[in-house]
């Protein structure tokens, strides 16, 4: 049986006894951000499309505190973040998955120490269907058999139409139209590892350059099914409940289930940066992270449809990353 990577399990572990706090929209115990003097300059962010809107909103919030700071944001995909950090062409590398060993190795070869990862929010990777699709939910093995050519999660047959997952009438013989992110995306990699058990996508998937494009495809196609971050939810689609195993409990993509780890496709979202352990943080970068991990920054997370971090977890991350 395929085992879930530690990446998924780490959410519940990080939350620990504090998971119940995450059911609130924003933890009232989060610290307010306090302005410091002498902060100005330019910042560049290169990386995840999933975090693109969040980075834009955080940049706008940061500008309220520091009008003399300009932040340029590029969101072409998670895999673009590590090379930009290695080459020094970006300050921030938003990523919807942790760096791979090869990516960290390239950074360490250049700088002599690892890139610093800061978890900034929790995302739920949702499986979307058209709003008029009556499907109640799917198991991950079924999702694998729909999207994957290899069925590494163990489902006994290939699934090619909606009738095979229980729909009747006019739906019974309708084939799937599959929407996916492209291979440069961390969302693509996360879905491949956690929903396809590391298997290969079918050749019939319609790869899209951005998360919103996946959702638009499903919106416009009655037979459509795709995956994207929960922050890209629209009124034209439904994010369906998922079960970890066939016959298991269907868990909806809701905040309380992401915090406890019950929802099977929950993940941390990260921003990577170059923090020299000998000299410490660049003050401008440090203040951006301190705002993100404050009440004002987590209110942005909530407003953009993602799951916020509880105050105790934020304090732990701030301590571990030298951001107090």
C-alpha atoms as a PDB file:
ATOM      1  CA  UNK A   1       0.000   0.000   0.000  1.00  0.00           C
ATOM      2  CA  UNK A   2       1.303   3.445  -0.959  1.00  0.00           C
ATOM      3  CA  UNK A   3       2.231   5.518   2.117  1.00  0.00           C
ATOM      4  CA  UNK A   4       1.557   9.236   2.297  1.00  0.00           C
ATOM      5  CA  UNK A   5       4.755  11.301   2.168  1.00  0.00           C
ATOM      6  CA  UNK A   6       5.840  13.075   5.339  1.00  0.00           C
ATOM      7  CA  UNK A   7       4.952  16.335   3.563  1.00  0.00           C
ATOM      8  CA  UNK A   8       1.239  15.660   4.051  1.00  0.00           C
ATOM      9  CA  UNK A   9       1.553  14.262   7.539  1.00  0.00           C
ATOM     10  CA  UNK A  10       3.696  17.205   8.654  1.00  0.00           C
ATOM     11  CA  UNK A  11       0.709  19.538   8.655  1.00  0.00           C
ATOM     12  CA  UNK A  12      -1.018  17.697  11.477  1.00  0.00           C
ATOM     13  CA  UNK A  13       2.313  17.269  13.269  1.00  0.00           C
ATOM     14  CA  UNK A  14       3.106  20.974  13.047  1.00  0.00           C
ATOM     15  CA  UNK A  15      -0.347  21.893  14.286  1.00  0.00           C
ATOM     16  CA  UNK A  16      -0.186  19.373  17.120  1.00  0.00           C
ATOM     17  CA  UNK A  17      -2.553  20.302  19.915  1.00  0.00           C
ATOM     18  CA  UNK A  18      -3.320  23.593  18.212  1.00  0.00           C
ATOM     19  CA  UNK A  19      -5.262  22.189  15.259  1.00  0.00           C
ATOM     20  CA  UNK A  20      -8.604  23.180  16.745  1.00  0.00           C
ATOM     21  CA  UNK A  21      -7.569  26.841  16.697  1.00  0.00           C
ATOM     22  CA  UNK A  22      -7.246  26.707  12.927  1.00  0.00           C
ATOM     23  CA  UNK A  23     -11.011  26.282  12.577  1.00  0.00           C
ATOM     24  CA  UNK A  24     -11.292  30.026  13.204  1.00  0.00           C
ATOM     25  CA  UNK A  25     -10.761  32.259  10.186  1.00  0.00           C
ATOM     26  CA  UNK A  26      -7.844  34.128  11.776  1.00  0.00           C
ATOM     27  CA  UNK A  27      -6.462  33.329  15.219  1.00  0.00           C
ATOM     28  CA  UNK A  28      -7.120  36.388  17.439  1.00  0.00           C
ATOM     29  CA  UNK A  29      -3.935  35.584  19.359  1.00  0.00           C
ATOM     30  CA  UNK A  30      -1.716  36.330  16.357  1.00  0.00           C
ATOM     31  CA  UNK A  31       0.589  39.314  16.987  1.00  0.00           C
ATOM     32  CA  UNK A  32      -0.106  42.611  15.274  1.00  0.00           C
ATOM     33  CA  UNK A  33       2.654  43.729  12.943  1.00  0.00           C
ATOM     34  CA  UNK A  34       4.774  46.587  14.312  1.00  0.00           C
ATOM     35  CA  UNK A  35       6.528  48.952  11.913  1.00  0.00           C
ATOM     36  CA  UNK A  36      10.299  49.429  12.223  1.00  0.00           C
ATOM     37  CA  UNK A  37      12.379  52.304  10.897  1.00  0.00           C
ATOM     38  CA  UNK A  38      14.775  52.360   7.956  1.00  0.00           C
ATOM     39  CA  UNK A  39      12.928  49.968   5.646  1.00  0.00           C
ATOM     40  CA  UNK A  40      12.969  50.846   1.935  1.00  0.00           C
ATOM     41  CA  UNK A  41      14.104  49.356  -1.349  1.00  0.00           C
ATOM     42  CA  UNK A  42      13.102  46.803  -3.958  1.00  0.00           C
ATOM     43  CA  UNK A  43      12.183  43.139  -3.700  1.00  0.00           C
ATOM     44  CA  UNK A  44      11.637  40.493  -6.359  1.00  0.00           C
ATOM     45  CA  UNK A  45       9.587  37.306  -6.084  1.00  0.00           C
ATOM     46  CA  UNK A  46       9.845  34.453  -8.608  1.00  0.00           C
ATOM     47  CA  UNK A  47       7.980  31.192  -8.220  1.00  0.00           C
ATOM     48  CA  UNK A  48       4.644  29.524  -7.625  1.00  0.00           C
ATOM     49  CA  UNK A  49       1.529  30.414  -9.577  1.00  0.00           C
ATOM     50  CA  UNK A  50      -0.532  29.128  -6.634  1.00  0.00           C
ATOM     51  CA  UNK A  51       0.988  31.828  -4.426  1.00  0.00           C
ATOM     52  CA  UNK A  52       0.938  34.533  -7.087  1.00  0.00           C
ATOM     53  CA  UNK A  53      -2.208  36.258  -5.856  1.00  0.00           C
ATOM     54  CA  UNK A  54      -1.173  35.881  -2.219  1.00  0.00           C
ATOM     55  CA  UNK A  55       2.194  37.481  -2.944  1.00  0.00           C
ATOM     56  CA  UNK A  56       0.453  40.363  -4.729  1.00  0.00           C
ATOM     57  CA  UNK A  57      -1.897  40.929  -1.796  1.00  0.00           C
ATOM     58  CA  UNK A  58       0.948  40.698   0.710  1.00  0.00           C
ATOM     59  CA  UNK A  59       2.935  43.206  -1.344  1.00  0.00           C
ATOM     60  CA  UNK A  60      -0.013  45.609  -1.224  1.00  0.00           C
ATOM     61  CA  UNK A  61      -0.331  45.126   2.545  1.00  0.00           C
ATOM     62  CA  UNK A  62       3.412  45.631   3.053  1.00  0.00           C
ATOM     63  CA  UNK A  63       3.260  48.861   1.041  1.00  0.00           C
ATOM     64  CA  UNK A  64       0.776  50.238   3.577  1.00  0.00           C
ATOM     65  CA  UNK A  65       3.513  49.999   6.203  1.00  0.00           C
ATOM     66  CA  UNK A  66       6.428  50.874   3.912  1.00  0.00           C
ATOM     67  CA  UNK A  67       5.394  53.038   0.938  1.00  0.00           C
ATOM     68  CA  UNK A  68       9.021  53.231  -0.245  1.00  0.00           C
ATOM     69  CA  UNK A  69       9.252  49.482  -0.876  1.00  0.00           C
ATOM     70  CA  UNK A  70       8.477  48.094  -4.346  1.00  0.00           C
ATOM     71  CA  UNK A  71       7.918  44.361  -4.909  1.00  0.00           C
ATOM     72  CA  UNK A  72       8.019  42.786  -8.370  1.00  0.00           C
ATOM     73  CA  UNK A  73       6.222  39.436  -8.615  1.00  0.00           C
ATOM     74  CA  UNK A  74       6.496  36.685 -11.244  1.00  0.00           C
ATOM     75  CA  UNK A  75       4.351  33.562 -10.871  1.00  0.00           C
ATOM     76  CA  UNK A  76       5.340  31.148 -13.642  1.00  0.00           C
ATOM     77  CA  UNK A  77       5.534  28.046 -11.445  1.00  0.00           C
ATOM     78  CA  UNK A  78       7.211  26.545  -8.380  1.00  0.00           C
ATOM     79  CA  UNK A  79      10.120  25.071 -10.350  1.00  0.00           C
ATOM     80  CA  UNK A  80      11.212  28.570 -11.392  1.00  0.00           C
ATOM     81  CA  UNK A  81      11.856  29.580  -7.772  1.00  0.00           C
ATOM     82  CA  UNK A  82      15.046  27.622  -6.918  1.00  0.00           C
ATOM     83  CA  UNK A  83      17.064  28.722 -10.003  1.00  0.00           C
ATOM     84  CA  UNK A  84      16.130  32.360  -9.390  1.00  0.00           C
ATOM     85  CA  UNK A  85      17.302  32.117  -5.774  1.00  0.00           C
ATOM     86  CA  UNK A  86      20.513  30.363  -6.818  1.00  0.00           C
ATOM     87  CA  UNK A  87      21.285  33.050  -9.411  1.00  0.00           C
ATOM     88  CA  UNK A  88      20.383  35.828  -7.007  1.00  0.00           C
ATOM     89  CA  UNK A  89      17.735  37.285  -9.309  1.00  0.00           C
ATOM     90  CA  UNK A  90      14.993  37.035  -6.677  1.00  0.00           C
ATOM     91  CA  UNK A  91      14.644  37.689  -2.960  1.00  0.00           C
ATOM     92  CA  UNK A  92      11.710  35.348  -2.508  1.00  0.00           C
ATOM     93  CA  UNK A  93      10.938  31.930  -3.980  1.00  0.00           C
ATOM     94  CA  UNK A  94       7.260  31.052  -3.339  1.00  0.00           C
ATOM     95  CA  UNK A  95       6.776  27.288  -3.650  1.00  0.00           C
ATOM     96  CA  UNK A  96       3.757  25.010  -3.315  1.00  0.00           C
ATOM     97  CA  UNK A  97       6.033  22.098  -2.344  1.00  0.00           C
ATOM     98  CA  UNK A  98       9.338  21.798  -0.487  1.00  0.00           C
ATOM     99  CA  UNK A  99      12.544  22.083  -2.482  1.00  0.00           C
ATOM    100  CA  UNK A 100      13.808  18.847  -3.932  1.00  0.00           C
ATOM    101  CA  UNK A 101      17.193  17.549  -2.801  1.00  0.00           C
ATOM    102  CA  UNK A 102      18.723  18.498  -6.138  1.00  0.00           C
ATOM    103  CA  UNK A 103      17.381  22.057  -5.833  1.00  0.00           C
ATOM    104  CA  UNK A 104      18.737  22.481  -2.310  1.00  0.00           C
ATOM    105  CA  UNK A 105      22.057  20.986  -3.408  1.00  0.00           C
ATOM    106  CA  UNK A 106      22.372  23.560  -6.192  1.00  0.00           C
ATOM    107  CA  UNK A 107      21.710  26.353  -3.701  1.00  0.00           C
ATOM    108  CA  UNK A 108      24.203  24.975  -1.170  1.00  0.00           C
ATOM    109  CA  UNK A 109      26.836  24.531  -3.871  1.00  0.00           C
ATOM    110  CA  UNK A 110      26.498  28.245  -4.627  1.00  0.00           C
ATOM    111  CA  UNK A 111      26.234  29.680  -1.111  1.00  0.00           C
ATOM    112  CA  UNK A 112      27.559  27.048   1.295  1.00  0.00           C
ATOM    113  CA  UNK A 113      24.333  26.804   3.302  1.00  0.00           C
ATOM    114  CA  UNK A 114      20.723  25.755   2.535  1.00  0.00           C
ATOM    115  CA  UNK A 115      17.910  28.029   1.419  1.00  0.00           C
ATOM    116  CA  UNK A 116      15.525  28.925   4.246  1.00  0.00           C
ATOM    117  CA  UNK A 117      11.940  27.719   3.917  1.00  0.00           C
ATOM    118  CA  UNK A 118       9.180  29.649   5.695  1.00  0.00           C
ATOM    119  CA  UNK A 119       5.720  28.014   5.795  1.00  0.00           C
ATOM    120  CA  UNK A 120       3.233  30.860   5.281  1.00  0.00           C
ATOM    121  CA  UNK A 121      -0.212  29.255   4.821  1.00  0.00           C
ATOM    122  CA  UNK A 122      -2.040  25.976   4.311  1.00  0.00           C
ATOM    123  CA  UNK A 123      -3.593  25.068   0.974  1.00  0.00           C
ATOM    124  CA  UNK A 124      -6.022  22.319   0.122  1.00  0.00           C
ATOM    125  CA  UNK A 125      -5.526  20.913  -3.337  1.00  0.00           C
ATOM    126  CA  UNK A 126      -9.122  20.477  -4.492  1.00  0.00           C
ATOM    127  CA  UNK A 127     -10.537  18.181  -7.150  1.00  0.00           C
ATOM    128  CA  UNK A 128     -12.995  20.318  -9.096  1.00  0.00           C
ATOM    129  CA  UNK A 129     -15.997  19.295 -11.197  1.00  0.00           C
ATOM    130  CA  UNK A 130     -18.510  21.428 -13.063  1.00  0.00           C
ATOM    131  CA  UNK A 131     -21.163  22.945 -10.790  1.00  0.00           C
ATOM    132  CA  UNK A 132     -23.856  20.882 -12.545  1.00  0.00           C
ATOM    133  CA  UNK A 133     -22.075  17.575 -11.965  1.00  0.00           C
ATOM    134  CA  UNK A 134     -23.944  15.550  -9.272  1.00  0.00           C
ATOM    135  CA  UNK A 135     -20.987  13.420  -8.109  1.00  0.00           C
ATOM    136  CA  UNK A 136     -20.886  13.322  -4.291  1.00  0.00           C
ATOM    137  CA  UNK A 137     -17.193  12.543  -3.935  1.00  0.00           C
ATOM    138  CA  UNK A 138     -14.338  10.277  -4.971  1.00  0.00           C
ATOM    139  CA  UNK A 139     -11.680   8.154  -3.300  1.00  0.00           C
ATOM    140  CA  UNK A 140      -8.022   8.872  -4.047  1.00  0.00           C
ATOM    141  CA  UNK A 141      -7.641   5.498  -5.801  1.00  0.00           C
ATOM    142  CA  UNK A 142     -10.530   6.536  -8.079  1.00  0.00           C
ATOM    143  CA  UNK A 143      -8.913   9.923  -8.688  1.00  0.00           C
ATOM    144  CA  UNK A 144      -5.721   8.098  -9.591  1.00  0.00           C
ATOM    145  CA  UNK A 145      -7.558   5.798 -12.009  1.00  0.00           C
ATOM    146  CA  UNK A 146      -9.165   8.850 -13.651  1.00  0.00           C
ATOM    147  CA  UNK A 147      -5.969  10.897 -14.094  1.00  0.00           C
ATOM    148  CA  UNK A 148      -3.209   8.300 -14.220  1.00  0.00           C
ATOM    149  CA  UNK A 149      -2.083   5.803 -16.825  1.00  0.00           C
ATOM    150  CA  UNK A 150      -0.304   3.664 -14.236  1.00  0.00           C
ATOM    151  CA  UNK A 151      -2.885   3.365 -11.389  1.00  0.00           C
ATOM    152  CA  UNK A 152      -0.139   3.164  -8.760  1.00  0.00           C
ATOM    153  CA  UNK A 153      -2.698   3.654  -5.970  1.00  0.00           C
ATOM    154  CA  UNK A 154      -4.102   0.205  -6.752  1.00  0.00           C
ATOM    155  CA  UNK A 155      -7.537   0.780  -8.292  1.00  0.00           C
ATOM    156  CA  UNK A 156      -8.418  -2.383 -10.269  1.00  0.00           C
ATOM    157  CA  UNK A 157      -9.467  -0.735 -13.536  1.00  0.00           C
ATOM    158  CA  UNK A 158      -8.983   2.330 -15.658  1.00  0.00           C
ATOM    159  CA  UNK A 159     -11.799   4.862 -15.187  1.00  0.00           C
ATOM    160  CA  UNK A 160     -12.792   6.677 -18.370  1.00  0.00           C
ATOM    161  CA  UNK A 161     -16.381   7.829 -17.832  1.00  0.00           C
ATOM    162  CA  UNK A 162     -18.642   9.153 -15.108  1.00  0.00           C
ATOM    163  CA  UNK A 163     -20.779   6.015 -15.058  1.00  0.00           C
ATOM    164  CA  UNK A 164     -17.833   4.086 -13.599  1.00  0.00           C
ATOM    165  CA  UNK A 165     -17.929   6.247 -10.473  1.00  0.00           C
ATOM    166  CA  UNK A 166     -21.664   5.860  -9.925  1.00  0.00           C
ATOM    167  CA  UNK A 167     -23.398   8.475 -12.072  1.00  0.00           C
ATOM    168  CA  UNK A 168     -26.473   7.351 -13.995  1.00  0.00           C
ATOM    169  CA  UNK A 169     -28.806   8.584 -16.716  1.00  0.00           C
ATOM    170  CA  UNK A 170     -27.306  11.057 -19.161  1.00  0.00           C
ATOM    171  CA  UNK A 171     -24.039  11.058 -17.182  1.00  0.00           C
ATOM    172  CA  UNK A 172     -23.405   7.317 -17.396  1.00  0.00           C
ATOM    173  CA  UNK A 173     -21.585   7.337 -20.747  1.00  0.00           C
ATOM    174  CA  UNK A 174     -19.972  10.760 -20.537  1.00  0.00           C
ATOM    175  CA  UNK A 175     -16.188  10.595 -20.805  1.00  0.00           C
ATOM    176  CA  UNK A 176     -13.952  12.776 -18.665  1.00  0.00           C
ATOM    177  CA  UNK A 177     -12.272  15.922 -19.889  1.00  0.00           C
ATOM    178  CA  UNK A 178      -9.143  16.103 -17.725  1.00  0.00           C
ATOM    179  CA  UNK A 179      -7.531  19.407 -16.719  1.00  0.00           C
ATOM    180  CA  UNK A 180      -4.094  19.549 -15.096  1.00  0.00           C
ATOM    181  CA  UNK A 181      -1.306  21.983 -14.290  1.00  0.00           C
ATOM    182  CA  UNK A 182       1.882  21.689 -16.329  1.00  0.00           C
ATOM    183  CA  UNK A 183       5.063  19.962 -15.218  1.00  0.00           C
ATOM    184  CA  UNK A 184       6.810  23.166 -14.053  1.00  0.00           C
ATOM    185  CA  UNK A 185       4.143  23.524 -11.361  1.00  0.00           C
ATOM    186  CA  UNK A 186       4.579  22.415  -7.760  1.00  0.00           C
ATOM    187  CA  UNK A 187       0.854  21.652  -7.775  1.00  0.00           C
ATOM    188  CA  UNK A 188       1.446  19.181 -10.612  1.00  0.00           C
ATOM    189  CA  UNK A 189       4.226  17.520  -8.617  1.00  0.00           C
ATOM    190  CA  UNK A 190       2.217  17.416  -5.393  1.00  0.00           C
ATOM    191  CA  UNK A 191      -0.804  15.889  -7.139  1.00  0.00           C
ATOM    192  CA  UNK A 192       1.407  13.346  -8.888  1.00  0.00           C
ATOM    193  CA  UNK A 193       2.970  12.208  -5.613  1.00  0.00           C
ATOM    194  CA  UNK A 194      -0.095  12.328  -3.364  1.00  0.00           C
ATOM    195  CA  UNK A 195      -3.084  11.652  -5.622  1.00  0.00           C
ATOM    196  CA  UNK A 196      -1.394   9.432  -8.243  1.00  0.00           C
ATOM    197  CA  UNK A 197       0.874   7.671  -5.704  1.00  0.00           C
ATOM    198  CA  UNK A 198       3.870   8.736  -7.770  1.00  0.00           C
ATOM    199  CA  UNK A 199       2.440   7.358 -11.023  1.00  0.00           C
ATOM    200  CA  UNK A 200       2.255   8.910 -14.475  1.00  0.00           C
ATOM    201  CA  UNK A 201      -0.456  11.157 -15.869  1.00  0.00           C
ATOM    202  CA  UNK A 202      -2.551  10.032 -18.805  1.00  0.00           C
ATOM    203  CA  UNK A 203      -1.532  11.481 -22.154  1.00  0.00           C
ATOM    204  CA  UNK A 204      -5.079  12.865 -22.571  1.00  0.00           C
ATOM    205  CA  UNK A 205      -4.782  15.487 -19.823  1.00  0.00           C
ATOM    206  CA  UNK A 206      -5.141  19.117 -20.884  1.00  0.00           C
ATOM    207  CA  UNK A 207      -2.138  20.824 -19.279  1.00  0.00           C
ATOM    208  CA  UNK A 208      -2.753  24.425 -18.272  1.00  0.00           C
ATOM    209  CA  UNK A 209      -0.199  27.171 -17.569  1.00  0.00           C
ATOM    210  CA  UNK A 210      -1.937  28.422 -14.424  1.00  0.00           C
ATOM    211  CA  UNK A 211      -4.185  27.345 -11.572  1.00  0.00           C
ATOM    212  CA  UNK A 212      -7.045  29.621 -12.608  1.00  0.00           C
ATOM    213  CA  UNK A 213      -6.922  28.186 -16.141  1.00  0.00           C
ATOM    214  CA  UNK A 214      -7.596  24.702 -14.754  1.00  0.00           C
ATOM    215  CA  UNK A 215     -10.687  25.945 -12.940  1.00  0.00           C
ATOM    216  CA  UNK A 216     -11.904  27.880 -15.987  1.00  0.00           C
ATOM    217  CA  UNK A 217     -11.578  24.726 -18.083  1.00  0.00           C
ATOM    218  CA  UNK A 218     -13.741  22.760 -15.659  1.00  0.00           C
ATOM    219  CA  UNK A 219     -16.227  25.647 -15.499  1.00  0.00           C
ATOM    220  CA  UNK A 220     -16.637  25.619 -19.264  1.00  0.00           C
ATOM    221  CA  UNK A 221     -16.796  21.831 -19.720  1.00  0.00           C
ATOM    222  CA  UNK A 222     -19.733  19.867 -18.342  1.00  0.00           C
ATOM    223  CA  UNK A 223     -17.675  16.660 -18.272  1.00  0.00           C
ATOM    224  CA  UNK A 224     -14.607  18.414 -16.874  1.00  0.00           C
ATOM    225  CA  UNK A 225     -12.571  17.421 -13.852  1.00  0.00           C
ATOM    226  CA  UNK A 226      -9.350  19.049 -12.685  1.00  0.00           C
ATOM    227  CA  UNK A 227      -7.275  19.927  -9.629  1.00  0.00           C
ATOM    228  CA  UNK A 228      -6.140  23.273  -8.297  1.00  0.00           C
ATOM    229  CA  UNK A 229      -5.631  25.147  -5.036  1.00  0.00           C
ATOM    230  CA  UNK A 230      -8.718  25.896  -2.959  1.00  0.00           C
ATOM    231  CA  UNK A 231      -8.041  29.617  -3.334  1.00  0.00           C
ATOM    232  CA  UNK A 232      -9.076  29.365  -7.002  1.00  0.00           C
ATOM    233  CA  UNK A 233     -12.612  28.157  -6.230  1.00  0.00           C
ATOM    234  CA  UNK A 234     -15.354  29.881  -8.280  1.00  0.00           C
ATOM    235  CA  UNK A 235     -19.136  29.672  -8.446  1.00  0.00           C
ATOM    236  CA  UNK A 236     -18.893  27.661 -11.674  1.00  0.00           C
ATOM    237  CA  UNK A 237     -17.259  24.613 -10.073  1.00  0.00           C
ATOM    238  CA  UNK A 238     -17.621  22.320  -7.076  1.00  0.00           C
ATOM    239  CA  UNK A 239     -14.718  21.155  -4.905  1.00  0.00           C
ATOM    240  CA  UNK A 240     -15.733  17.597  -4.090  1.00  0.00           C
ATOM    241  CA  UNK A 241     -15.077  15.605  -0.890  1.00  0.00           C
ATOM    242  CA  UNK A 242     -12.299  13.011  -1.057  1.00  0.00           C
ATOM    243  CA  UNK A 243     -11.666   9.739   0.782  1.00  0.00           C
ATOM    244  CA  UNK A 244      -8.169   8.429   1.384  1.00  0.00           C
ATOM    245  CA  UNK A 245      -9.244   4.863   0.558  1.00  0.00           C
ATOM    246  CA  UNK A 246     -12.090   3.175  -1.304  1.00  0.00           C
ATOM    247  CA  UNK A 247     -15.062   2.973   1.034  1.00  0.00           C
ATOM    248  CA  UNK A 248     -13.493   5.495   3.406  1.00  0.00           C
ATOM    249  CA  UNK A 249     -15.086   8.627   4.816  1.00  0.00           C
ATOM    250  CA  UNK A 250     -15.471  11.445   2.309  1.00  0.00           C
ATOM    251  CA  UNK A 251     -13.771  14.556   3.716  1.00  0.00           C
ATOM    252  CA  UNK A 252     -14.704  17.964   2.283  1.00  0.00           C
ATOM    253  CA  UNK A 253     -11.949  20.515   1.538  1.00  0.00           C
ATOM    254  CA  UNK A 254     -12.659  22.675   4.574  1.00  0.00           C
ATOM    255  CA  UNK A 255     -10.249  24.443   6.905  1.00  0.00           C
ATOM    256  CA  UNK A 256     -10.758  22.296   9.989  1.00  0.00           C
ATOM    257  CA  UNK A 257      -9.969  19.112   8.059  1.00  0.00           C
ATOM    258  CA  UNK A 258      -6.842  20.618   6.519  1.00  0.00           C
ATOM    259  CA  UNK A 259      -5.543  21.604   9.945  1.00  0.00           C
ATOM    260  CA  UNK A 260      -6.039  18.127  11.395  1.00  0.00           C
ATOM    261  CA  UNK A 261      -4.624  16.361   8.348  1.00  0.00           C
ATOM    262  CA  UNK A 262      -7.905  14.536   7.680  1.00  0.00           C
ATOM    263  CA  UNK A 263      -8.305  16.097   4.258  1.00  0.00           C
ATOM    264  CA  UNK A 264      -5.914  14.000   2.166  1.00  0.00           C
ATOM    265  CA  UNK A 265      -4.576  16.716  -0.145  1.00  0.00           C
ATOM    266  CA  UNK A 266      -3.630  19.434   2.362  1.00  0.00           C
ATOM    267  CA  UNK A 267      -0.194  21.020   2.123  1.00  0.00           C
ATOM    268  CA  UNK A 268       1.896  23.868   3.416  1.00  0.00           C
ATOM    269  CA  UNK A 269       2.691  26.756   1.105  1.00  0.00           C
ATOM    270  CA  UNK A 270       6.236  28.076   1.444  1.00  0.00           C
ATOM    271  CA  UNK A 271       8.354  31.065   0.637  1.00  0.00           C
ATOM    272  CA  UNK A 272      12.063  30.273   0.304  1.00  0.00           C
ATOM    273  CA  UNK A 273      14.760  32.892   0.794  1.00  0.00           C
ATOM    274  CA  UNK A 274      18.499  33.329   1.159  1.00  0.00           C
ATOM    275  CA  UNK A 275      19.174  33.873   4.871  1.00  0.00           C
ATOM    276  CA  UNK A 276      22.889  33.645   5.643  1.00  0.00           C
ATOM    277  CA  UNK A 277      23.214  31.842   9.011  1.00  0.00           C
ATOM    278  CA  UNK A 278      26.364  33.860   9.826  1.00  0.00           C
ATOM    279  CA  UNK A 279      25.088  37.364   9.103  1.00  0.00           C
ATOM    280  CA  UNK A 280      21.323  36.855   9.530  1.00  0.00           C
ATOM    281  CA  UNK A 281      18.401  38.139   7.524  1.00  0.00           C
ATOM    282  CA  UNK A 282      18.406  41.027   5.108  1.00  0.00           C
ATOM    283  CA  UNK A 283      16.270  43.553   7.127  1.00  0.00           C
ATOM    284  CA  UNK A 284      13.873  44.212   4.246  1.00  0.00           C
ATOM    285  CA  UNK A 285      13.211  40.511   3.658  1.00  0.00           C
ATOM    286  CA  UNK A 286      12.902  39.856   7.387  1.00  0.00           C
ATOM    287  CA  UNK A 287      10.220  42.502   7.840  1.00  0.00           C
ATOM    288  CA  UNK A 288       8.208  41.111   4.940  1.00  0.00           C
ATOM    289  CA  UNK A 289       8.189  37.675   6.560  1.00  0.00           C
ATOM    290  CA  UNK A 290       7.364  39.147   9.971  1.00  0.00           C
ATOM    291  CA  UNK A 291       4.322  40.845   8.438  1.00  0.00           C
ATOM    292  CA  UNK A 292       3.225  37.658   6.648  1.00  0.00           C
ATOM    293  CA  UNK A 293       3.472  35.776   9.954  1.00  0.00           C
ATOM    294  CA  UNK A 294       1.457  38.416  11.807  1.00  0.00           C
ATOM    295  CA  UNK A 295      -2.266  39.038  12.068  1.00  0.00           C
ATOM    296  CA  UNK A 296      -2.266  41.371   9.064  1.00  0.00           C
ATOM    297  CA  UNK A 297      -0.517  38.818   6.861  1.00  0.00           C
ATOM    298  CA  UNK A 298      -2.735  35.928   7.921  1.00  0.00           C
ATOM    299  CA  UNK A 299      -5.842  38.041   7.335  1.00  0.00           C
ATOM    300  CA  UNK A 300      -4.650  38.242   3.727  1.00  0.00           C
ATOM    301  CA  UNK A 301      -4.367  34.432   3.681  1.00  0.00           C
ATOM    302  CA  UNK A 302      -7.955  34.124   4.874  1.00  0.00           C
ATOM    303  CA  UNK A 303      -9.218  36.731   2.424  1.00  0.00           C
ATOM    304  CA  UNK A 304      -7.619  34.876  -0.464  1.00  0.00           C
ATOM    305  CA  UNK A 305      -9.358  31.614   0.446  1.00  0.00           C
ATOM    306  CA  UNK A 306      -6.493  29.679   2.027  1.00  0.00           C
ATOM    307  CA  UNK A 307      -6.151  28.292   5.567  1.00  0.00           C
ATOM    308  CA  UNK A 308      -4.430  30.477   8.146  1.00  0.00           C
ATOM    309  CA  UNK A 309      -1.822  29.392  10.680  1.00  0.00           C
ATOM    310  CA  UNK A 310      -2.626  29.375  14.420  1.00  0.00           C
ATOM    311  CA  UNK A 311      -0.706  31.762  16.663  1.00  0.00           C
ATOM    312  CA  UNK A 312       1.240  29.012  18.456  1.00  0.00           C
ATOM    313  CA  UNK A 313       2.366  27.532  15.132  1.00  0.00           C
ATOM    314  CA  UNK A 314       3.330  30.977  13.818  1.00  0.00           C
ATOM    315  CA  UNK A 315       5.388  31.592  16.950  1.00  0.00           C
ATOM    316  CA  UNK A 316       7.143  28.267  16.475  1.00  0.00           C
ATOM    317  CA  UNK A 317       7.993  29.080  12.859  1.00  0.00           C
ATOM    318  CA  UNK A 318       9.158  32.600  13.735  1.00  0.00           C
ATOM    319  CA  UNK A 319      11.445  31.199  16.414  1.00  0.00           C
ATOM    320  CA  UNK A 320      12.831  28.441  14.196  1.00  0.00           C
ATOM    321  CA  UNK A 321      13.508  30.803  11.278  1.00  0.00           C
ATOM    322  CA  UNK A 322      14.964  33.673  13.317  1.00  0.00           C
ATOM    323  CA  UNK A 323      12.077  36.029  12.578  1.00  0.00           C
ATOM    324  CA  UNK A 324      11.238  37.279  16.088  1.00  0.00           C
END
